[in-house]
Protein backbone atom coordinates (compact mmCIF):
# COMPACT_ATOMS: atom_id res chain seq x y z
CA MET A 1 11.10 11.99 -3.01
CA ALA A 2 7.90 10.45 -1.72
CA GLY A 3 5.70 7.92 -3.44
CA VAL A 4 2.85 9.07 -5.67
CA PHE A 5 -0.82 8.13 -5.54
CA GLU A 6 -2.35 7.93 -9.03
CA ILE A 7 -6.10 7.72 -9.68
CA ALA A 8 -6.97 5.92 -12.90
CA GLU A 9 -10.10 4.85 -14.73
CA ALA A 10 -10.86 1.13 -14.96
CA GLY A 11 -13.56 0.71 -17.53
CA ASN A 12 -16.91 2.44 -17.55
CA GLU A 13 -17.31 4.61 -14.43
CA SER A 14 -14.95 2.59 -12.22
CA TYR A 15 -11.82 4.05 -10.67
CA PHE A 16 -8.85 2.77 -8.69
CA PHE A 17 -5.67 4.18 -7.27
CA ARG A 18 -2.16 2.88 -7.19
CA LEU A 19 0.77 3.92 -5.07
CA THR A 20 4.07 4.10 -6.92
CA ALA A 21 7.57 4.41 -5.46
CA PRO A 22 9.91 7.15 -6.67
CA ASP A 23 11.50 4.68 -9.12
CA GLY A 24 8.09 3.92 -10.67
CA THR A 25 7.57 0.54 -8.98
CA VAL A 26 3.90 -0.09 -8.18
CA VAL A 27 3.71 -0.63 -4.43
CA ALA A 28 -0.06 -1.02 -3.97
CA VAL A 29 -3.25 -1.13 -6.05
CA SER A 30 -6.69 -0.41 -4.60
CA PRO A 31 -9.99 -2.14 -5.19
CA LEU A 32 -12.43 -0.47 -7.58
CA PHE A 33 -14.46 2.58 -6.58
CA ASN A 34 -17.62 3.94 -8.24
CA THR A 35 -16.41 7.55 -8.18
CA VAL A 36 -13.20 9.56 -8.24
CA LYS A 37 -14.30 10.98 -4.89
CA GLY A 38 -14.43 7.44 -3.49
CA ALA A 39 -10.92 6.70 -4.77
CA ALA A 40 -9.68 9.94 -3.18
CA ALA A 41 -11.30 8.91 0.12
CA GLY A 42 -9.49 5.57 -0.15
CA ILE A 43 -6.19 7.38 -0.60
CA ASN A 44 -6.89 9.47 2.50
CA ALA A 45 -7.70 6.33 4.49
CA VAL A 46 -4.39 4.75 3.46
CA ARG A 47 -2.50 7.92 4.36
CA GLU A 48 -4.13 8.03 7.80
CA ASN A 49 -3.66 4.36 8.65
CA ALA A 50 -0.43 3.25 6.99
CA ALA A 51 2.02 5.08 9.21
CA THR A 52 0.62 3.58 12.41
CA GLY A 53 -0.59 0.23 11.09
CA LEU A 54 0.77 -3.01 12.49
CA VAL A 55 2.31 -5.65 10.25
CA VAL A 56 0.53 -8.97 10.83
CA ASP A 57 2.32 -12.12 9.63
CA LEU A 58 -0.30 -14.56 8.31
CA SER A 59 2.27 -16.78 6.58
CA ALA A 60 2.25 -19.44 9.35
CA GLY A 61 5.93 -18.96 10.06
CA LYS A 62 7.14 -19.36 6.49
CA THR A 63 10.02 -17.01 5.76
CA SER A 64 12.27 -16.56 2.79
CA GLY A 65 15.33 -16.06 4.98
CA LYS A 66 15.78 -12.57 3.59
CA SER A 67 15.35 -9.40 5.56
CA GLY A 68 12.78 -7.04 4.09
CA THR A 69 14.50 -3.97 5.48
CA ARG A 70 16.78 -1.53 3.74
CA ALA A 71 20.12 -0.51 5.21
CA GLY A 72 19.67 2.12 7.90
CA LYS A 73 15.95 1.43 8.32
CA ALA A 74 14.47 -0.23 11.38
CA PRO A 75 12.24 -3.25 10.65
CA ALA A 76 8.51 -2.91 11.18
CA ALA A 77 7.04 -4.58 14.24
CA ILE A 78 5.51 -7.88 13.13
CA THR A 79 2.65 -9.49 15.00
CA SER A 80 1.62 -13.12 14.51
CA ARG A 81 -1.96 -14.30 14.86
């Protein structure tokens, strides 16, 4: 099962979306948008860019020593700046 994008209201006429994993874990939360249409456009932008986006490591070489990959999954290409 794929993750789910949820659009929610954040106060008076502000909206945001969150991406949840199949187990309910919140994976990402958007900034606020003025309209539901804006939040939907943000979701579309994430869908279009996430699959081909590069991972950029801005941590200055600090690592936890743990691999962030799941068994059977190839790690994402990481670029340092």
